[in-house]
Amino acid sequence: MIIYLVLSHTCPAKYIPHEAMLTFVDQSTVDRSTEDWLDGIEARLQYDAWYCGHWHINKNIDRMHFLFHDLACLPEKGKAK
C-alpha cells in the first residue's frame, strides 16, 4: 500500500530509540505490542514520511521523524525528506 504520510504516537519496534529509554524502568516489563504491530504495518507500506512523538526526543532515522520540542512542516506529497 502506498501512503504519503503516517502519524502515530509511537514508532515501529525496529526504530525504537534505545538511548531514550528510562534507565530506572525494567524494560522487560514494558509492553511493546504496539511497536511490534507497527513493525508489521511498516513492512507492508510504501510511505514518504512517518512522524511520532512518544519517545520525547528530536531525531530522524531514515524516513522516521521523532518530534518532541521540534515542529515540522509537513512536506508536499511525494517530496518528503
Protein backbone atom coordinates (compact mmCIF):
# COMPACT_ATOMS: atom_id res chain seq x y z
CA MET A 1 0.00 0.00 0.00
CA ILE A 2 1.30 3.47 -0.86
CA ILE A 3 0.86 6.10 1.86
CA TYR A 4 2.04 9.68 1.70
CA LEU A 5 2.37 10.31 5.44
CA VAL A 6 1.99 8.32 8.66
CA LEU A 7 1.28 9.89 12.06
CA SER A 8 1.38 7.72 15.15
CA HIS A 9 2.01 8.10 18.84
CA THR A 10 4.87 5.60 18.97
CA CYS A 11 7.12 4.05 16.34
CA PRO A 12 7.65 0.59 14.85
CA ALA A 13 9.84 -1.61 17.06
CA LYS A 14 12.80 -1.57 14.70
CA TYR A 15 13.09 2.22 15.18
CA ILE A 16 12.86 2.30 18.99
CA PRO A 17 15.48 4.82 20.16
CA HIS A 18 17.10 2.84 22.96
CA GLU A 19 19.00 5.90 24.17
CA ALA A 20 15.66 7.48 25.13
CA MET A 21 14.55 4.63 27.40
CA LEU A 22 14.19 5.39 31.09
CA THR A 23 17.05 3.69 32.90
CA PHE A 24 15.06 3.19 36.10
CA VAL A 25 12.36 1.15 34.31
CA ASP A 26 12.88 -2.58 33.85
CA GLN A 27 12.42 -2.76 30.07
CA SER A 28 11.49 -6.45 30.23
CA THR A 29 8.22 -5.38 31.90
CA VAL A 30 7.26 -2.84 29.23
CA ASP A 31 4.53 -3.82 26.77
CA ARG A 32 5.91 -3.40 23.25
CA SER A 33 2.95 -4.96 21.43
CA THR A 34 2.01 -1.69 19.72
CA GLU A 35 5.55 -1.19 18.43
CA ASP A 36 5.60 -4.81 17.20
CA TRP A 37 2.25 -4.30 15.48
CA LEU A 38 3.55 -1.13 13.81
CA ASP A 39 6.57 -3.12 12.58
CA GLY A 40 4.21 -5.32 10.59
CA ILE A 41 2.36 -2.32 9.19
CA GLU A 42 5.59 -0.51 8.30
CA ALA A 43 6.85 -3.59 6.42
CA ARG A 44 3.76 -3.55 4.17
CA LEU A 45 3.67 0.18 3.45
CA GLN A 46 5.39 2.37 0.94
CA TYR A 47 5.44 5.79 2.59
CA ASP A 48 7.21 9.12 2.24
CA ALA A 49 7.48 10.04 5.93
CA TRP A 50 6.42 8.80 9.38
CA TYR A 51 6.10 11.11 12.38
CA CYS A 52 5.80 10.08 16.04
CA GLY A 53 6.41 11.64 19.43
CA HIS A 54 6.14 9.09 22.24
CA TRP A 55 9.88 8.97 22.95
CA HIS A 56 10.28 12.67 23.86
CA ILE A 57 13.28 13.19 21.61
CA ASN A 58 14.02 15.07 18.41
CA LYS A 59 15.61 12.62 15.99
CA ASN A 60 15.39 11.42 12.40
CA ILE A 61 16.13 7.87 11.28
CA ASP A 62 15.66 7.48 7.53
CA ARG A 63 12.01 8.48 6.93
CA MET A 64 11.09 8.15 10.65
CA HIS A 65 10.82 11.51 12.44
CA PHE A 66 10.62 11.71 16.24
CA LEU A 67 9.28 15.06 17.43
CA PHE A 68 9.39 16.45 20.95
CA HIS A 69 10.26 20.13 21.08
CA ASP A 70 10.69 20.44 17.34
CA LEU A 71 7.92 21.32 14.94
CA ALA A 72 7.75 20.00 11.42
CA CYS A 73 6.17 21.45 8.33
CA LEU A 74 4.60 18.56 6.55
CA PRO A 75 6.23 18.00 3.18
CA GLU A 76 4.35 18.28 -0.08
CA LYS A 77 3.08 14.96 -1.33
CA GLY A 78 5.94 12.98 -2.84
CA LYS A 79 8.63 15.36 -1.57
CA ALA A 80 9.39 14.05 1.95
CA LYS A 81 12.99 14.06 3.14
